[in-house]
Amino acid sequence: MTATIVIENCDLNTTVEVSKKAANTGGSRLGLKTNDKITIRDLLYGLLLCSGNDDAVA
């Protein structure tokens, strides 16, 4: 569901900065760190392939 919402509502080329909350999310993770900068396209890729919980929060 998260992926669908992102695809429908976001510019995939937008860069976001990873929050402390996202970086500290438990469970399956992509390995994002606080203040990392990453495009929404790359976050979506990590969400779908790695099922990264930190990724979804970011």
PDB file of N, CA and C in Angstrom:
ATOM      1  N   MET A   1       0.823  -1.192   0.000  1.00  0.00           N
ATOM      2  CA  MET A   1       0.000   0.000   0.000  1.00  0.00           C
ATOM      3  C   MET A   1       0.872   1.262   0.000  1.00  0.00           C
ATOM      4  N   THR A   2       1.940   1.234   0.779  1.00  0.00           N
ATOM      5  CA  THR A   2       2.836   2.392   0.816  1.00  0.00           C
ATOM      6  C   THR A   2       3.373   2.701  -0.570  1.00  0.00           C
ATOM      7  N   ALA A   3       3.791   1.666  -1.302  1.00  0.00           N
ATOM      8  CA  ALA A   3       4.334   1.859  -2.651  1.00  0.00           C
ATOM      9  C   ALA A   3       3.301   2.489  -3.576  1.00  0.00           C
ATOM     10  N   THR A   4       2.072   2.048  -3.514  1.00  0.00           N
ATOM     11  CA  THR A   4       1.008   2.591  -4.359  1.00  0.00           C
ATOM     12  C   THR A   4       0.791   4.072  -4.079  1.00  0.00           C
ATOM     13  N   ILE A   5       0.748   4.439  -2.818  1.00  0.00           N
ATOM     14  CA  ILE A   5       0.546   5.838  -2.442  1.00  0.00           C
ATOM     15  C   ILE A   5       1.706   6.695  -2.950  1.00  0.00           C
ATOM     16  N   VAL A   6       2.933   6.201  -2.805  1.00  0.00           N
ATOM     17  CA  VAL A   6       4.106   6.940  -3.276  1.00  0.00           C
ATOM     18  C   VAL A   6       4.057   7.128  -4.788  1.00  0.00           C
ATOM     19  N   ILE A   7       3.792   6.072  -5.522  1.00  0.00           N
ATOM     20  CA  ILE A   7       3.756   6.142  -6.985  1.00  0.00           C
ATOM     21  C   ILE A   7       2.693   7.120  -7.469  1.00  0.00           C
ATOM     22  N   GLU A   8       1.550   7.134  -6.820  1.00  0.00           N
ATOM     23  CA  GLU A   8       0.448   7.988  -7.237  1.00  0.00           C
ATOM     24  C   GLU A   8       0.626   9.457  -6.841  1.00  0.00           C
ATOM     25  N   ASN A   9       1.448   9.737  -5.826  1.00  0.00           N
ATOM     26  CA  ASN A   9       1.470  11.086  -5.266  1.00  0.00           C
ATOM     27  C   ASN A   9       2.823  11.783  -5.228  1.00  0.00           C
ATOM     28  N   CYS A  10       3.885  11.125  -5.604  1.00  0.00           N
ATOM     29  CA  CYS A  10       5.214  11.723  -5.443  1.00  0.00           C
ATOM     30  C   CYS A  10       5.961  11.829  -6.763  1.00  0.00           C
ATOM     31  N   ASP A  11       6.821  12.824  -6.840  1.00  0.00           N
ATOM     32  CA  ASP A  11       7.787  12.938  -7.928  1.00  0.00           C
ATOM     33  C   ASP A  11       8.962  12.048  -7.535  1.00  0.00           C
ATOM     34  N   LEU A  12       9.196  10.978  -8.273  1.00  0.00           N
ATOM     35  CA  LEU A  12      10.196   9.988  -7.905  1.00  0.00           C
ATOM     36  C   LEU A  12      11.623  10.533  -7.942  1.00  0.00           C
ATOM     37  N   ASN A  13      11.824  11.693  -8.552  1.00  0.00           N
ATOM     38  CA  ASN A  13      13.156  12.294  -8.616  1.00  0.00           C
ATOM     39  C   ASN A  13      13.452  13.211  -7.431  1.00  0.00           C
ATOM     40  N   THR A  14      12.478  13.421  -6.555  1.00  0.00           N
ATOM     41  CA  THR A  14      12.662  14.258  -5.373  1.00  0.00           C
ATOM     42  C   THR A  14      13.637  13.587  -4.405  1.00  0.00           C
ATOM     43  N   THR A  15      14.535  14.385  -3.850  1.00  0.00           N
ATOM     44  CA  THR A  15      15.473  13.875  -2.846  1.00  0.00           C
ATOM     45  C   THR A  15      14.929  14.207  -1.465  1.00  0.00           C
ATOM     46  N   VAL A  16      15.010  13.236  -0.565  1.00  0.00           N
ATOM     47  CA  VAL A  16      14.563  13.444   0.814  1.00  0.00           C
ATOM     48  C   VAL A  16      15.730  13.186   1.756  1.00  0.00           C
ATOM     49  N   GLU A  17      15.644  13.777   2.951  1.00  0.00           N
ATOM     50  CA  GLU A  17      16.640  13.545   3.988  1.00  0.00           C
ATOM     51  C   GLU A  17      16.038  12.603   5.021  1.00  0.00           C
ATOM     52  N   VAL A  18      16.764  11.567   5.370  1.00  0.00           N
ATOM     53  CA  VAL A  18      16.270  10.538   6.289  1.00  0.00           C
ATOM     54  C   VAL A  18      16.240  11.091   7.709  1.00  0.00           C
ATOM     55  N   SER A  19      15.084  10.970   8.344  1.00  0.00           N
ATOM     56  CA  SER A  19      14.919  11.451   9.716  1.00  0.00           C
ATOM     57  C   SER A  19      15.490  10.434  10.708  1.00  0.00           C
ATOM     58  N   LYS A  20      15.685  10.885  11.939  1.00  0.00           N
ATOM     59  CA  LYS A  20      16.147   9.993  13.010  1.00  0.00           C
ATOM     60  C   LYS A  20      15.129   8.878  13.228  1.00  0.00           C
ATOM     61  N   LYS A  21      13.843   9.227  13.169  1.00  0.00           N
ATOM     62  CA  LYS A  21      12.783   8.233  13.357  1.00  0.00           C
ATOM     63  C   LYS A  21      12.882   7.144  12.296  1.00  0.00           C
ATOM     64  N   ALA A  22      13.059   7.539  11.032  1.00  0.00           N
ATOM     65  CA  ALA A  22      13.160   6.553   9.952  1.00  0.00           C
ATOM     66  C   ALA A  22      14.412   5.694  10.122  1.00  0.00           C
ATOM     67  N   ALA A  23      15.535   6.326  10.454  1.00  0.00           N
ATOM     68  CA  ALA A  23      16.798   5.603  10.593  1.00  0.00           C
ATOM     69  C   ALA A  23      16.759   4.584  11.726  1.00  0.00           C
ATOM     70  N   ASN A  24      15.940   4.840  12.736  1.00  0.00           N
ATOM     71  CA  ASN A  24      15.863   3.951  13.893  1.00  0.00           C
ATOM     72  C   ASN A  24      14.701   2.968  13.831  1.00  0.00           C
ATOM     73  N   THR A  25      14.020   2.886  12.699  1.00  0.00           N
ATOM     74  CA  THR A  25      12.900   1.959  12.559  1.00  0.00           C
ATOM     75  C   THR A  25      13.425   0.525  12.564  1.00  0.00           C
ATOM     76  N   GLY A  26      12.779  -0.328  13.347  1.00  0.00           N
ATOM     77  CA  GLY A  26      13.207  -1.722  13.473  1.00  0.00           C
ATOM     78  C   GLY A  26      12.625  -2.620  12.389  1.00  0.00           C
ATOM     79  N   GLY A  27      12.915  -3.898  12.507  1.00  0.00           N
ATOM     80  CA  GLY A  27      12.425  -4.884  11.538  1.00  0.00           C
ATOM     81  C   GLY A  27      13.329  -4.953  10.322  1.00  0.00           C
ATOM     82  N   SER A  28      12.771  -5.356   9.210  1.00  0.00           N
ATOM     83  CA  SER A  28      13.530  -5.430   7.958  1.00  0.00           C
ATOM     84  C   SER A  28      13.977  -4.032   7.565  1.00  0.00           C
ATOM     85  N   ARG A  29      15.270  -3.886   7.233  1.00  0.00           N
ATOM     86  CA  ARG A  29      15.815  -2.551   7.016  1.00  0.00           C
ATOM     87  C   ARG A  29      16.666  -2.483   5.765  1.00  0.00           C
ATOM     88  N   LEU A  30      16.725  -1.295   5.187  1.00  0.00           N
ATOM     89  CA  LEU A  30      17.602  -1.009   4.063  1.00  0.00           C
ATOM     90  C   LEU A  30      18.973  -0.561   4.570  1.00  0.00           C
ATOM     91  N   GLY A  31      19.036  -0.034   5.785  1.00  0.00           N
ATOM     92  CA  GLY A  31      20.292   0.431   6.366  1.00  0.00           C
ATOM     93  C   GLY A  31      20.482   1.930   6.265  1.00  0.00           C
ATOM     94  N   LEU A  32      19.384   2.678   6.178  1.00  0.00           N
ATOM     95  CA  LEU A  32      19.463   4.133   6.092  1.00  0.00           C
ATOM     96  C   LEU A  32      19.951   4.710   7.415  1.00  0.00           C
ATOM     97  N   LYS A  33      20.708   5.804   7.318  1.00  0.00           N
ATOM     98  CA  LYS A  33      21.210   6.489   8.502  1.00  0.00           C
ATOM     99  C   LYS A  33      20.634   7.907   8.556  1.00  0.00           C
ATOM    100  N   THR A  34      20.534   8.450   9.763  1.00  0.00           N
ATOM    101  CA  THR A  34      20.038   9.805   9.953  1.00  0.00           C
ATOM    102  C   THR A  34      20.819  10.778   9.063  1.00  0.00           C
ATOM    103  N   ASN A  35      20.083  11.642   8.386  1.00  0.00           N
ATOM    104  CA  ASN A  35      20.612  12.680   7.491  1.00  0.00           C
ATOM    105  C   ASN A  35      21.082  12.166   6.137  1.00  0.00           C
ATOM    106  N   ASP A  36      20.956  10.857   5.862  1.00  0.00           N
ATOM    107  CA  ASP A  36      21.231  10.372   4.506  1.00  0.00           C
ATOM    108  C   ASP A  36      20.299  11.097   3.548  1.00  0.00           C
ATOM    109  N   LYS A  37      20.765  11.350   2.352  1.00  0.00           N
ATOM    110  CA  LYS A  37      19.921  11.951   1.312  1.00  0.00           C
ATOM    111  C   LYS A  37      19.748  10.911   0.222  1.00  0.00           C
ATOM    112  N   ILE A  38      18.496  10.683  -0.197  1.00  0.00           N
ATOM    113  CA  ILE A  38      18.183   9.623  -1.146  1.00  0.00           C
ATOM    114  C   ILE A  38      16.932  10.017  -1.935  1.00  0.00           C
ATOM    115  N   THR A  39      16.875   9.612  -3.196  1.00  0.00           N
ATOM    116  CA  THR A  39      15.694   9.940  -3.997  1.00  0.00           C
ATOM    117  C   THR A  39      14.527   9.038  -3.615  1.00  0.00           C
ATOM    118  N   ILE A  40      13.334   9.535  -3.867  1.00  0.00           N
ATOM    119  CA  ILE A  40      12.143   8.736  -3.612  1.00  0.00           C
ATOM    120  C   ILE A  40      12.165   7.485  -4.491  1.00  0.00           C
ATOM    121  N   ARG A  41      12.708   7.585  -5.709  1.00  0.00           N
ATOM    122  CA  ARG A  41      12.826   6.415  -6.596  1.00  0.00           C
ATOM    123  C   ARG A  41      13.659   5.310  -5.921  1.00  0.00           C
ATOM    124  N   ASP A  42      14.789   5.696  -5.329  1.00  0.00           N
ATOM    125  CA  ASP A  42      15.640   4.708  -4.664  1.00  0.00           C
ATOM    126  C   ASP A  42      14.978   4.168  -3.395  1.00  0.00           C
ATOM    127  N   LEU A  43      14.247   5.027  -2.685  1.00  0.00           N
ATOM    128  CA  LEU A  43      13.501   4.555  -1.517  1.00  0.00           C
ATOM    129  C   LEU A  43      12.442   3.534  -1.930  1.00  0.00           C
ATOM    130  N   LEU A  44      11.765   3.813  -3.027  1.00  0.00           N
ATOM    131  CA  LEU A  44      10.739   2.893  -3.523  1.00  0.00           C
ATOM    132  C   LEU A  44      11.365   1.550  -3.901  1.00  0.00           C
ATOM    133  N   TYR A  45      12.502   1.597  -4.561  1.00  0.00           N
ATOM    134  CA  TYR A  45      13.230   0.383  -4.926  1.00  0.00           C
ATOM    135  C   TYR A  45      13.558  -0.428  -3.667  1.00  0.00           C
ATOM    136  N   GLY A  46      14.092   0.236  -2.638  1.00  0.00           N
ATOM    137  CA  GLY A  46      14.419  -0.451  -1.390  1.00  0.00           C
ATOM    138  C   GLY A  46      13.195  -0.996  -0.687  1.00  0.00           C
ATOM    139  N   LEU A  47      12.116  -0.263  -0.747  1.00  0.00           N
ATOM    140  CA  LEU A  47      10.867  -0.702  -0.121  1.00  0.00           C
ATOM    141  C   LEU A  47      10.358  -1.982  -0.767  1.00  0.00           C
ATOM    142  N   LEU A  48      10.408  -2.029  -2.095  1.00  0.00           N
ATOM    143  CA  LEU A  48       9.853  -3.171  -2.818  1.00  0.00           C
ATOM    144  C   LEU A  48      10.774  -4.396  -2.795  1.00  0.00           C
ATOM    145  N   LEU A  49      12.073  -4.190  -2.902  1.00  0.00           N
ATOM    146  CA  LEU A  49      12.992  -5.324  -2.972  1.00  0.00           C
ATOM    147  C   LEU A  49      13.487  -5.789  -1.607  1.00  0.00           C
ATOM    148  N   CYS A  50      13.708  -4.873  -0.703  1.00  0.00           N
ATOM    149  CA  CYS A  50      14.250  -5.236   0.621  1.00  0.00           C
ATOM    150  C   CYS A  50      13.183  -5.245   1.708  1.00  0.00           C
ATOM    151  N   SER A  51      12.002  -4.760   1.357  1.00  0.00           N
ATOM    152  CA  SER A  51      10.945  -4.588   2.341  1.00  0.00           C
ATOM    153  C   SER A  51      11.459  -3.795   3.547  1.00  0.00           C
ATOM    154  N   GLY A  52      12.184  -2.716   3.245  1.00  0.00           N
ATOM    155  CA  GLY A  52      12.808  -1.935   4.313  1.00  0.00           C
ATOM    156  C   GLY A  52      11.827  -1.095   5.097  1.00  0.00           C
ATOM    157  N   ASN A  53      11.664  -1.385   6.391  1.00  0.00           N
ATOM    158  CA  ASN A  53      10.767  -0.605   7.228  1.00  0.00           C
ATOM    159  C   ASN A  53      11.283   0.813   7.426  1.00  0.00           C
ATOM    160  N   ASP A  54      12.610   0.984   7.567  1.00  0.00           N
ATOM    161  CA  ASP A  54      13.170   2.324   7.697  1.00  0.00           C
ATOM    162  C   ASP A  54      12.889   3.129   6.446  1.00  0.00           C
ATOM    163  N   ASP A  55      12.955   2.471   5.328  1.00  0.00           N
ATOM    164  CA  ASP A  55      12.688   3.060   4.019  1.00  0.00           C
ATOM    165  C   ASP A  55      11.247   3.582   3.940  1.00  0.00           C
ATOM    166  N   ALA A  56      10.294   2.781   4.388  1.00  0.00           N
ATOM    167  CA  ALA A  56       8.883   3.183   4.328  1.00  0.00           C
ATOM    168  C   ALA A  56       8.608   4.397   5.208  1.00  0.00           C
ATOM    169  N   VAL A  57       9.251   4.465   6.365  1.00  0.00           N
ATOM    170  CA  VAL A  57       9.046   5.599   7.258  1.00  0.00           C
ATOM    171  C   VAL A  57       9.612   6.872   6.652  1.00  0.00           C
ATOM    172  N   ALA A  58      10.783   6.763   6.001  1.00  0.00           N
ATOM    173  CA  ALA A  58      11.392   7.934   5.344  1.00  0.00           C
ATOM    174  C   ALA A  58      10.488   8.455   4.255  1.00  0.00           C
TER     175      ALA A  58
END
